[in-house]
C-alpha atoms as a PDB file:
ATOM      1  CA  MET A   1       0.000   0.000   0.000  1.00  0.00           C
ATOM      2  CA  ALA A   2       1.126   3.573  -0.695  1.00  0.00           C
ATOM      3  CA  TYR A   3      -0.346   7.023  -0.250  1.00  0.00           C
ATOM      4  CA  LYS A   4      -1.665   7.528  -3.776  1.00  0.00           C
ATOM      5  CA  SER A   5      -4.254  10.145  -2.849  1.00  0.00           C
ATOM      6  CA  ILE A   6      -3.004  12.881  -0.511  1.00  0.00           C
ATOM      7  CA  LEU A   7      -5.265  15.707   0.645  1.00  0.00           C
ATOM      8  CA  THR A   8      -4.437  18.999   2.298  1.00  0.00           C
ATOM      9  CA  VAL A   9      -6.936  21.586   3.496  1.00  0.00           C
ATOM     10  CA  LEU A  10      -6.142  25.293   3.671  1.00  0.00           C
ATOM     11  CA  THR A  11      -8.240  27.868   5.511  1.00  0.00           C
ATOM     12  CA  GLU A  12      -5.640  30.659   5.609  1.00  0.00           C
ATOM     13  CA  SER A  13      -2.516  31.596   3.667  1.00  0.00           C
ATOM     14  CA  GLN A  14       0.070  31.769   6.473  1.00  0.00           C
ATOM     15  CA  SER A  15       0.635  28.003   6.579  1.00  0.00           C
ATOM     16  CA  ALA A  16       0.144  27.401   2.849  1.00  0.00           C
ATOM     17  CA  LYS A  17       3.800  27.394   1.796  1.00  0.00           C
ATOM     18  CA  HIS A  18       5.131  24.847   4.274  1.00  0.00           C
ATOM     19  CA  ILE A  19       2.056  22.589   4.132  1.00  0.00           C
ATOM     20  CA  LEU A  20       2.127  22.484   0.329  1.00  0.00           C
ATOM     21  CA  ALA A  21       5.860  21.760   0.399  1.00  0.00           C
ATOM     22  CA  ALA A  22       5.377  18.861   2.830  1.00  0.00           C
ATOM     23  CA  SER A  23       2.374  17.492   0.930  1.00  0.00           C
ATOM     24  CA  ALA A  24       4.136  17.743  -2.428  1.00  0.00           C
ATOM     25  CA  ALA A  25       7.252  16.040  -1.054  1.00  0.00           C
ATOM     26  CA  LEU A  26       5.160  13.097   0.164  1.00  0.00           C
ATOM     27  CA  ALA A  27       3.207  12.919  -3.084  1.00  0.00           C
ATOM     28  CA  GLY A  28       6.464  12.853  -5.033  1.00  0.00           C
ATOM     29  CA  ARG A  29       7.972  10.170  -2.802  1.00  0.00           C
ATOM     30  CA  GLU A  30       4.848   7.992  -2.986  1.00  0.00           C
ATOM     31  CA  GLY A  31       4.074   8.599  -6.651  1.00  0.00           C
ATOM     32  CA  GLY A  32       0.716   9.981  -5.579  1.00  0.00           C
ATOM     33  CA  HIS A  33      -1.677  12.792  -6.455  1.00  0.00           C
ATOM     34  CA  LEU A  34      -2.098  15.873  -4.269  1.00  0.00           C
ATOM     35  CA  ASP A  35      -5.595  17.318  -3.789  1.00  0.00           C
ATOM     36  CA  ILE A  36      -5.810  20.806  -2.276  1.00  0.00           C
ATOM     37  CA  LEU A  37      -9.030  22.097  -0.747  1.00  0.00           C
ATOM     38  CA  CYS A  38      -9.089  25.894  -0.235  1.00  0.00           C
ATOM     39  CA  ILE A  39     -11.880  26.908   2.126  1.00  0.00           C
ATOM     40  CA  GLY A  40     -13.125  30.401   2.786  1.00  0.00           C
ATOM     41  CA  VAL A  41     -14.564  30.177   6.298  1.00  0.00           C
ATOM     42  CA  ASP A  42     -17.522  32.284   7.385  1.00  0.00           C
ATOM     43  CA  ARG A  43     -16.808  32.661  11.103  1.00  0.00           C
ATOM     44  CA  THR A  44     -19.884  34.719  11.976  1.00  0.00           C
ATOM     45  CA  GLN A  45     -22.833  33.427  13.992  1.00  0.00           C
ATOM     46  CA  THR A  46     -25.784  35.045  12.270  1.00  0.00           C
ATOM     47  CA  GLY A  47     -28.277  33.774  14.822  1.00  0.00           C
ATOM     48  CA  TYR A  48     -27.152  36.515  17.174  1.00  0.00           C
ATOM     49  CA  TYR A  49     -28.189  39.389  14.873  1.00  0.00           C
ATOM     50  CA  TYR A  50     -31.681  40.869  14.805  1.00  0.00           C
ATOM     51  CA  ALA A  51     -33.955  39.255  12.212  1.00  0.00           C
ATOM     52  CA  GLY A  52     -34.030  42.047   9.647  1.00  0.00           C
ATOM     53  CA  ALA A  53     -30.240  42.151   9.344  1.00  0.00           C
ATOM     54  CA  ASN A  54     -29.645  38.422   8.936  1.00  0.00           C
ATOM     55  CA  ALA A  55     -30.024  38.165   5.162  1.00  0.00           C
ATOM     56  CA  LEU A  56     -27.822  41.173   4.415  1.00  0.00           C
ATOM     57  CA  ILE A  57     -25.112  40.182   6.871  1.00  0.00           C
ATOM     58  CA  LEU A  58     -25.187  36.568   5.697  1.00  0.00           C
ATOM     59  CA  GLN A  59     -24.663  37.590   2.073  1.00  0.00           C
ATOM     60  CA  GLU A  60     -21.847  39.967   3.020  1.00  0.00           C
ATOM     61  CA  THR A  61     -20.019  37.369   5.094  1.00  0.00           C
ATOM     62  CA  LEU A  62     -20.429  34.693   2.425  1.00  0.00           C
ATOM     63  CA  ASP A  63     -19.059  37.089  -0.203  1.00  0.00           C
ATOM     64  CA  ARG A  64     -16.084  37.774   2.040  1.00  0.00           C
ATOM     65  CA  ALA A  65     -15.520  34.031   2.567  1.00  0.00           C
ATOM     66  CA  GLN A  66     -15.697  33.441  -1.192  1.00  0.00           C
ATOM     67  CA  ALA A  67     -13.083  36.163  -1.738  1.00  0.00           C
ATOM     68  CA  ASP A  68     -10.855  34.479   0.853  1.00  0.00           C
ATOM     69  CA  ALA A  69     -11.255  31.119  -0.890  1.00  0.00           C
ATOM     70  CA  ASP A  70     -10.427  32.629  -4.286  1.00  0.00           C
ATOM     71  CA  ALA A  71      -7.337  34.338  -2.840  1.00  0.00           C
ATOM     72  CA  LEU A  72      -6.213  31.018  -1.352  1.00  0.00           C
ATOM     73  CA  GLY A  73      -6.717  29.356  -4.728  1.00  0.00           C
ATOM     74  CA  ASP A  74      -4.509  31.990  -6.380  1.00  0.00           C
ATOM     75  CA  THR A  75      -1.831  31.495  -3.713  1.00  0.00           C
ATOM     76  CA  VAL A  76      -1.883  27.749  -4.267  1.00  0.00           C
ATOM     77  CA  SER A  77      -1.507  28.168  -8.041  1.00  0.00           C
ATOM     78  CA  GLN A  78       1.584  30.303  -7.513  1.00  0.00           C
ATOM     79  CA  LEU A  79       3.197  28.102  -4.861  1.00  0.00           C
ATOM     80  CA  MET A  80       2.609  24.834  -6.710  1.00  0.00           C
ATOM     81  CA  LYS A  81       4.695  26.048  -9.654  1.00  0.00           C
ATOM     82  CA  ALA A  82       7.713  25.028  -7.575  1.00  0.00           C
ATOM     83  CA  HIS A  83       6.574  21.402  -7.244  1.00  0.00           C
ATOM     84  CA  ASP A  84       6.615  18.788  -9.981  1.00  0.00           C
ATOM     85  CA  VAL A  85       3.832  16.477  -8.813  1.00  0.00           C
ATOM     86  CA  PRO A  86       0.311  15.773 -10.094  1.00  0.00           C
ATOM     87  CA  TRP A  87      -2.090  18.042  -8.231  1.00  0.00           C
ATOM     88  CA  GLY A  88      -5.473  19.679  -8.364  1.00  0.00           C
ATOM     89  CA  SER A  89      -7.253  22.275  -6.264  1.00  0.00           C
ATOM     90  CA  GLU A  90     -10.772  23.435  -5.578  1.00  0.00           C
ATOM     91  CA  THR A  91     -12.271  26.330  -3.651  1.00  0.00           C
ATOM     92  CA  ALA A  92     -15.259  26.172  -1.352  1.00  0.00           C
ATOM     93  CA  VAL A  93     -17.081  28.264   1.227  1.00  0.00           C
ATOM     94  CA  ALA A  94     -18.308  26.960   4.574  1.00  0.00           C
ATOM     95  CA  GLN A  95     -19.663  28.291   7.820  1.00  0.00           C
ATOM     96  CA  ILE A  96     -18.046  26.978  10.970  1.00  0.00           C
ATOM     97  CA  ALA A  97     -21.041  24.713  11.617  1.00  0.00           C
ATOM     98  CA  GLY A  98     -20.776  23.120   8.162  1.00  0.00           C
ATOM     99  CA  LEU A  99     -17.004  22.865   7.954  1.00  0.00           C
ATOM    100  CA  SER A 100     -16.779  19.310   9.290  1.00  0.00           C
ATOM    101  CA  ARG A 101     -19.129  17.880   6.667  1.00  0.00           C
ATOM    102  CA  LEU A 102     -17.206  19.479   3.815  1.00  0.00           C
ATOM    103  CA  VAL A 103     -13.797  18.304   5.044  1.00  0.00           C
ATOM    104  CA  ALA A 104     -15.027  14.799   5.877  1.00  0.00           C
ATOM    105  CA  ASP A 105     -16.515  14.368   2.408  1.00  0.00           C
ATOM    106  CA  ARG A 106     -13.069  14.950   0.847  1.00  0.00           C
ATOM    107  CA  ALA A 107     -11.036  13.173   3.528  1.00  0.00           C
ATOM    108  CA  ARG A 108     -12.908   9.875   3.301  1.00  0.00           C
ATOM    109  CA  PHE A 109     -11.461   9.308  -0.175  1.00  0.00           C
ATOM    110  CA  ALA A 110      -7.878  10.264   0.777  1.00  0.00           C
ATOM    111  CA  ASP A 111      -5.114   7.878   1.838  1.00  0.00           C
ATOM    112  CA  LEU A 112      -3.530  10.619   3.945  1.00  0.00           C
ATOM    113  CA  VAL A 113      -4.515  14.145   5.029  1.00  0.00           C
ATOM    114  CA  VAL A 114      -1.675  16.620   5.643  1.00  0.00           C
ATOM    115  CA  LEU A 115      -2.496  19.582   7.897  1.00  0.00           C
ATOM    116  CA  PRO A 116      -0.765  22.318   9.906  1.00  0.00           C
ATOM    117  CA  ARG A 117      -0.585  22.271  13.689  1.00  0.00           C
ATOM    118  CA  PRO A 118      -4.027  23.316  14.992  1.00  0.00           C
ATOM    119  CA  TYR A 119      -2.875  25.200  18.079  1.00  0.00           C
ATOM    120  CA  GLY A 120      -0.912  28.430  18.235  1.00  0.00           C
ATOM    121  CA  GLU A 121      -1.176  32.200  18.190  1.00  0.00           C
ATOM    122  CA  ASP A 122      -2.541  32.444  14.646  1.00  0.00           C
ATOM    123  CA  CYS A 123      -4.836  29.402  14.779  1.00  0.00           C
ATOM    124  CA  GLY A 124      -8.608  29.681  14.849  1.00  0.00           C
ATOM    125  CA  LEU A 125     -11.357  27.242  15.761  1.00  0.00           C
ATOM    126  CA  GLU A 126     -11.440  25.963  12.185  1.00  0.00           C
ATOM    127  CA  HIS A 127      -7.972  24.380  12.455  1.00  0.00           C
ATOM    128  CA  GLU A 128      -9.047  21.986  15.190  1.00  0.00           C
ATOM    129  CA  ALA A 129     -12.382  21.378  13.448  1.00  0.00           C
ATOM    130  CA  VAL A 130     -10.618  20.358  10.222  1.00  0.00           C
ATOM    131  CA  ILE A 131      -8.396  17.808  11.975  1.00  0.00           C
ATOM    132  CA  GLU A 132     -11.260  16.279  13.926  1.00  0.00           C
ATOM    133  CA  ALA A 133     -13.453  16.094  10.817  1.00  0.00           C
ATOM    134  CA  ALA A 134     -10.751  14.239   8.890  1.00  0.00           C
ATOM    135  CA  LEU A 135     -10.123  11.813  11.759  1.00  0.00           C
ATOM    136  CA  PHE A 136     -13.658  11.105  12.974  1.00  0.00           C
ATOM    137  CA  GLU A 137     -16.028  11.746  10.078  1.00  0.00           C
ATOM    138  CA  GLY A 138     -13.555  11.128   7.239  1.00  0.00           C
ATOM    139  CA  HIS A 139     -11.877   8.122   8.929  1.00  0.00           C
ATOM    140  CA  ALA A 140      -8.549   9.187   7.402  1.00  0.00           C
ATOM    141  CA  PRO A 141      -5.063   9.298   8.929  1.00  0.00           C
ATOM    142  CA  VAL A 142      -3.803  12.830   9.514  1.00  0.00           C
ATOM    143  CA  LEU A 143      -0.204  13.994   9.334  1.00  0.00           C
ATOM    144  CA  VAL A 144       0.264  17.200  11.323  1.00  0.00           C
ATOM    145  CA  VAL A 145       3.303  19.133  10.096  1.00  0.00           C
ATOM    146  CA  PRO A 146       4.550  21.981  12.330  1.00  0.00           C
ATOM    147  CA  GLU A 147       5.979  25.156  10.821  1.00  0.00           C
ATOM    148  CA  GLY A 148       9.692  24.896  10.033  1.00  0.00           C
ATOM    149  CA  THR A 149       9.750  21.128   9.440  1.00  0.00           C
ATOM    150  CA  SER A 150      12.237  19.938   6.840  1.00  0.00           C
ATOM    151  CA  THR A 151      10.066  18.394   4.154  1.00  0.00           C
ATOM    152  CA  GLU A 152      12.837  16.074   2.980  1.00  0.00           C
ATOM    153  CA  ALA A 153      13.311  14.501   6.426  1.00  0.00           C
ATOM    154  CA  ILE A 154       9.779  13.289   7.083  1.00  0.00           C
ATOM    155  CA  GLY A 155       9.511   9.615   7.989  1.00  0.00           C
ATOM    156  CA  HIS A 156      13.143   8.475   7.967  1.00  0.00           C
ATOM    157  CA  ARG A 157      13.422   8.004  11.746  1.00  0.00           C
ATOM    158  CA  VAL A 158      10.073   7.260  13.380  1.00  0.00           C
ATOM    159  CA  VAL A 159       8.944   6.826  16.985  1.00  0.00           C
ATOM    160  CA  VAL A 160       5.746   4.788  17.340  1.00  0.00           C
ATOM    161  CA  ALA A 161       3.723   5.299  20.518  1.00  0.00           C
ATOM    162  CA  TRP A 162       2.357   1.886  21.507  1.00  0.00           C
ATOM    163  CA  ASN A 163      -0.094   1.290  24.360  1.00  0.00           C
ATOM    164  CA  GLU A 164      -2.025  -1.687  22.897  1.00  0.00           C
ATOM    165  CA  SER A 165      -5.069   0.514  22.186  1.00  0.00           C
ATOM    166  CA  PRO A 166      -7.215   0.239  19.046  1.00  0.00           C
ATOM    167  CA  GLU A 167      -6.337   3.857  18.215  1.00  0.00           C
ATOM    168  CA  ALA A 168      -2.593   3.153  18.355  1.00  0.00           C
ATOM    169  CA  LEU A 169      -2.967   0.064  16.178  1.00  0.00           C
ATOM    170  CA  ALA A 170      -5.066   2.011  13.655  1.00  0.00           C
ATOM    171  CA  ALA A 171      -2.343   4.656  13.428  1.00  0.00           C
ATOM    172  CA  ILE A 172       0.371   2.040  12.914  1.00  0.00           C
ATOM    173  CA  ARG A 173      -1.567   0.310  10.146  1.00  0.00           C
ATOM    174  CA  ARG A 174      -2.166   3.641   8.396  1.00  0.00           C
ATOM    175  CA  ALA A 175       1.509   4.579   8.785  1.00  0.00           C
ATOM    176  CA  MET A 176       2.799   1.317   7.312  1.00  0.00           C
ATOM    177  CA  PRO A 177       3.837   2.855   3.943  1.00  0.00           C
ATOM    178  CA  ILE A 178       6.199   5.101   5.916  1.00  0.00           C
ATOM    179  CA  LEU A 179       7.293   2.521   8.482  1.00  0.00           C
ATOM    180  CA  THR A 180       8.334  -0.024   5.875  1.00  0.00           C
ATOM    181  CA  HIS A 181      10.819   2.409   4.290  1.00  0.00           C
ATOM    182  CA  ALA A 182      12.078   4.159   7.438  1.00  0.00           C
ATOM    183  CA  GLU A 183      15.698   3.873   8.474  1.00  0.00           C
ATOM    184  CA  MET A 184      14.616   3.393  12.086  1.00  0.00           C
ATOM    185  CA  VAL A 185      11.293   2.527  13.715  1.00  0.00           C
ATOM    186  CA  ASP A 186      11.374   2.820  17.496  1.00  0.00           C
ATOM    187  CA  ILE A 187       8.361   1.320  19.281  1.00  0.00           C
ATOM    188  CA  ALA A 188       8.043   3.384  22.469  1.00  0.00           C
ATOM    189  CA  ILE A 189       6.120   1.753  25.326  1.00  0.00           C
ATOM    190  CA  ILE A 190       5.588   3.804  28.474  1.00  0.00           C
ATOM    191  CA  ASP A 191       5.043   1.855  31.707  1.00  0.00           C
ATOM    192  CA  PRO A 192       3.691  -1.359  30.090  1.00  0.00           C
ATOM    193  CA  PRO A 193       1.082  -3.227  32.193  1.00  0.00           C
ATOM    194  CA  GLN A 194       2.587  -5.912  34.423  1.00  0.00           C
ATOM    195  CA  HIS A 195      -0.251  -8.326  33.743  1.00  0.00           C
ATOM    196  CA  GLY A 196      -0.932  -7.674  30.051  1.00  0.00           C
ATOM    197  CA  PRO A 197      -0.770 -10.296  27.291  1.00  0.00           C
ATOM    198  CA  ASP A 198       2.643  -8.994  26.172  1.00  0.00           C
ATOM    199  CA  ARG A 199       4.154  -8.660  29.647  1.00  0.00           C
ATOM    200  CA  SER A 200       7.047 -11.027  28.871  1.00  0.00           C
ATOM    201  CA  ASP A 201       7.849  -9.362  25.534  1.00  0.00           C
ATOM    202  CA  PRO A 202       6.401  -5.828  25.339  1.00  0.00           C
ATOM    203  CA  GLY A 203       5.955  -4.757  21.734  1.00  0.00           C
ATOM    204  CA  GLY A 204       7.300  -8.073  20.412  1.00  0.00           C
ATOM    205  CA  ARG A 205       4.352  -8.975  18.218  1.00  0.00           C
ATOM    206  CA  LEU A 206       4.078  -5.431  16.879  1.00  0.00           C
ATOM    207  CA  SER A 207       7.785  -5.437  16.046  1.00  0.00           C
ATOM    208  CA  GLN A 208       7.291  -8.730  14.214  1.00  0.00           C
ATOM    209  CA  MET A 209       4.359  -7.339  12.225  1.00  0.00           C
ATOM    210  CA  ILE A 210       6.371  -4.310  11.082  1.00  0.00           C
ATOM    211  CA  ALA A 211       9.382  -6.498  10.243  1.00  0.00           C
ATOM    212  CA  ARG A 212       7.254  -8.762   8.060  1.00  0.00           C
ATOM    213  CA  HIS A 213       6.325  -5.687   6.021  1.00  0.00           C
ATOM    214  CA  GLY A 214      10.006  -4.921   5.549  1.00  0.00           C
ATOM    215  CA  GLY A 215      10.462  -2.376   8.337  1.00  0.00           C
ATOM    216  CA  LYS A 216      13.346  -2.228  10.810  1.00  0.00           C
ATOM    217  CA  ALA A 217      11.740  -2.072  14.235  1.00  0.00           C
ATOM    218  CA  GLU A 218      13.136  -2.007  17.753  1.00  0.00           C
ATOM    219  CA  VAL A 219      11.452  -1.600  21.137  1.00  0.00           C
ATOM    220  CA  SER A 220      12.103   0.987  23.863  1.00  0.00           C
ATOM    221  CA  VAL A 221      10.400   0.485  27.231  1.00  0.00           C
ATOM    222  CA  LEU A 222      10.202   3.839  29.011  1.00  0.00           C
ATOM    223  CA  ALA A 223       9.281   4.904  32.516  1.00  0.00           C
ATOM    224  CA  LYS A 224       6.790   7.719  32.945  1.00  0.00           C
ATOM    225  CA  THR A 225       9.272  10.101  34.521  1.00  0.00           C
ATOM    226  CA  MET A 226       7.331  13.220  33.500  1.00  0.00           C
ATOM    227  CA  PRO A 227       3.744  14.189  34.361  1.00  0.00           C
ATOM    228  CA  ARG A 228       2.429  13.885  30.795  1.00  0.00           C
ATOM    229  CA  VAL A 229       2.826  10.991  28.374  1.00  0.00           C
ATOM    230  CA  SER A 230       3.257  13.452  25.499  1.00  0.00           C
ATOM    231  CA  ASP A 231       6.294  14.986  27.240  1.00  0.00           C
ATOM    232  CA  VAL A 232       7.929  11.565  27.618  1.00  0.00           C
ATOM    233  CA  LEU A 233       7.287  10.794  23.948  1.00  0.00           C
ATOM    234  CA  ARG A 234       8.644  14.121  22.750  1.00  0.00           C
ATOM    235  CA  ARG A 235      11.776  13.772  24.837  1.00  0.00           C
ATOM    236  CA  HIS A 236      12.327  10.220  23.612  1.00  0.00           C
ATOM    237  CA  ALA A 237      11.833  11.326  19.997  1.00  0.00           C
ATOM    238  CA  SER A 238      14.445  14.041  20.523  1.00  0.00           C
ATOM    239  CA  ASP A 239      16.870  11.548  22.095  1.00  0.00           C
ATOM    240  CA  ARG A 240      16.484   9.242  19.090  1.00  0.00           C
ATOM    241  CA  SER A 241      16.755  12.116  16.577  1.00  0.00           C
ATOM    242  CA  ALA A 242      13.327  11.119  15.230  1.00  0.00           C
ATOM    243  CA  ASP A 243      11.646  13.142  12.512  1.00  0.00           C
ATOM    244  CA  MET A 244       8.126  11.744  13.032  1.00  0.00           C
ATOM    245  CA  ILE A 245       5.875  10.373  15.758  1.00  0.00           C
ATOM    246  CA  VAL A 246       3.041   7.907  15.054  1.00  0.00           C
ATOM    247  CA  MET A 247       0.286   7.668  17.654  1.00  0.00           C
ATOM    248  CA  GLY A 248      -3.383   6.918  18.132  1.00  0.00           C
ATOM    249  CA  ALA A 249      -5.662   9.930  18.419  1.00  0.00           C
ATOM    250  CA  TYR A 250      -8.231  10.752  21.088  1.00  0.00           C
ATOM    251  CA  GLY A 251      -8.329   7.626  23.202  1.00  0.00           C
ATOM    252  CA  HIS A 252     -10.555   9.721  25.484  1.00  0.00           C
ATOM    253  CA  SER A 253     -13.533  11.717  24.253  1.00  0.00           C
ATOM    254  CA  ARG A 254     -12.857  14.949  22.388  1.00  0.00           C
ATOM    255  CA  PHE A 255     -14.819  16.855  25.050  1.00  0.00           C
ATOM    256  CA  ARG A 256     -12.643  15.459  27.826  1.00  0.00           C
ATOM    257  CA  GLU A 257      -9.465  16.292  25.917  1.00  0.00           C
ATOM    258  CA  ALA A 258     -10.689  19.811  25.199  1.00  0.00           C
ATOM    259  CA  ILE A 259     -11.525  20.483  28.849  1.00  0.00           C
ATOM    260  CA  LEU A 260      -9.006  18.398  30.799  1.00  0.00           C
ATOM    261  CA  GLY A 261      -6.305  17.830  28.216  1.00  0.00           C
ATOM    262  CA  GLY A 262      -4.955  14.519  26.973  1.00  0.00           C
ATOM    263  CA  ALA A 263      -2.028  12.960  25.131  1.00  0.00           C
ATOM    264  CA  THR A 264      -3.372  13.931  21.701  1.00  0.00           C
ATOM    265  CA  ARG A 265      -4.069  17.568  22.491  1.00  0.00           C
ATOM    266  CA  ASN A 266      -0.864  17.976  24.502  1.00  0.00           C
ATOM    267  CA  MET A 267       1.173  16.462  21.688  1.00  0.00           C
ATOM    268  CA  LEU A 268      -0.372  18.725  19.060  1.00  0.00           C
ATOM    269  CA  GLU A 269       0.149  21.805  21.235  1.00  0.00           C
ATOM    270  CA  GLY A 270       3.868  21.191  21.680  1.00  0.00           C
ATOM    271  CA  CYS A 271       5.045  19.006  18.802  1.00  0.00           C
ATOM    272  CA  GLU A 272       8.079  20.221  16.861  1.00  0.00           C
ATOM    273  CA  ILE A 273       8.198  17.302  14.408  1.00  0.00           C
ATOM    274  CA  PRO A 274       5.389  15.809  12.284  1.00  0.00           C
ATOM    275  CA  VAL A 275       2.858  13.595  14.055  1.00  0.00           C
ATOM    276  CA  LEU A 276       0.778  10.992  12.217  1.00  0.00           C
ATOM    277  CA  LEU A 277      -2.578  10.390  13.906  1.00  0.00           C
ATOM    278  CA  ALA A 278      -5.433   7.957  13.359  1.00  0.00           C
ATOM    279  CA  HIS A 279      -8.527   7.007  15.333  1.00  0.00           C
END
């Protein structure tokens, strides 16, 4: 299996250059096609205006969103001149409430969705909504690429977060095209259960599965020496000079992660290398 259909979704121009570079590099490596969805987002909540103004304000905000989408489309056309891969783009307009449906409809037919980090000073609500739509409604793996990532170094040295969960296994299966060609695959297990089925050989069967696909896997058993699992994983990835982390997404509910935090949200808030997620 390879990533023959790669999708990226743009809702603003600031992240366009580095996301297109990363997406194009993967499409070129995999011999795939890059689809680019440029969305002009209407961020207003028209229900809060008085009734007589709704129609006028709605039309004005939709016109503004369409102009944003068209400007994004023009930016994409200019930036993609630097990349020699098959690609296509489309523009669309969506209100915040309808954004998930639009993204999911495109993501469900993609082998991989490449997106910018959803948290930061310049990030709006739509960034998180796009990632969650691709993961939950589109059932697609998502590669989050932080600003400043070297596009040529994605997926050569990979840390896989393994906790025996269905989410982690889904991410590993979706990452297999990368894992099979990586120079190093490090299966990181944090505080494995003492009475689990793999207690005598943590990660052994997973290592075997990756090896049978042609990957070079090894296992690292780590102690949880920091308060958050995401911090342990990030430190381990830095120690191993990894350029990607593969992990399951949202083992807890999205509401719980949004309010209380969780490994997925914490990882996305602080990641400095690409993270491949699946649910």
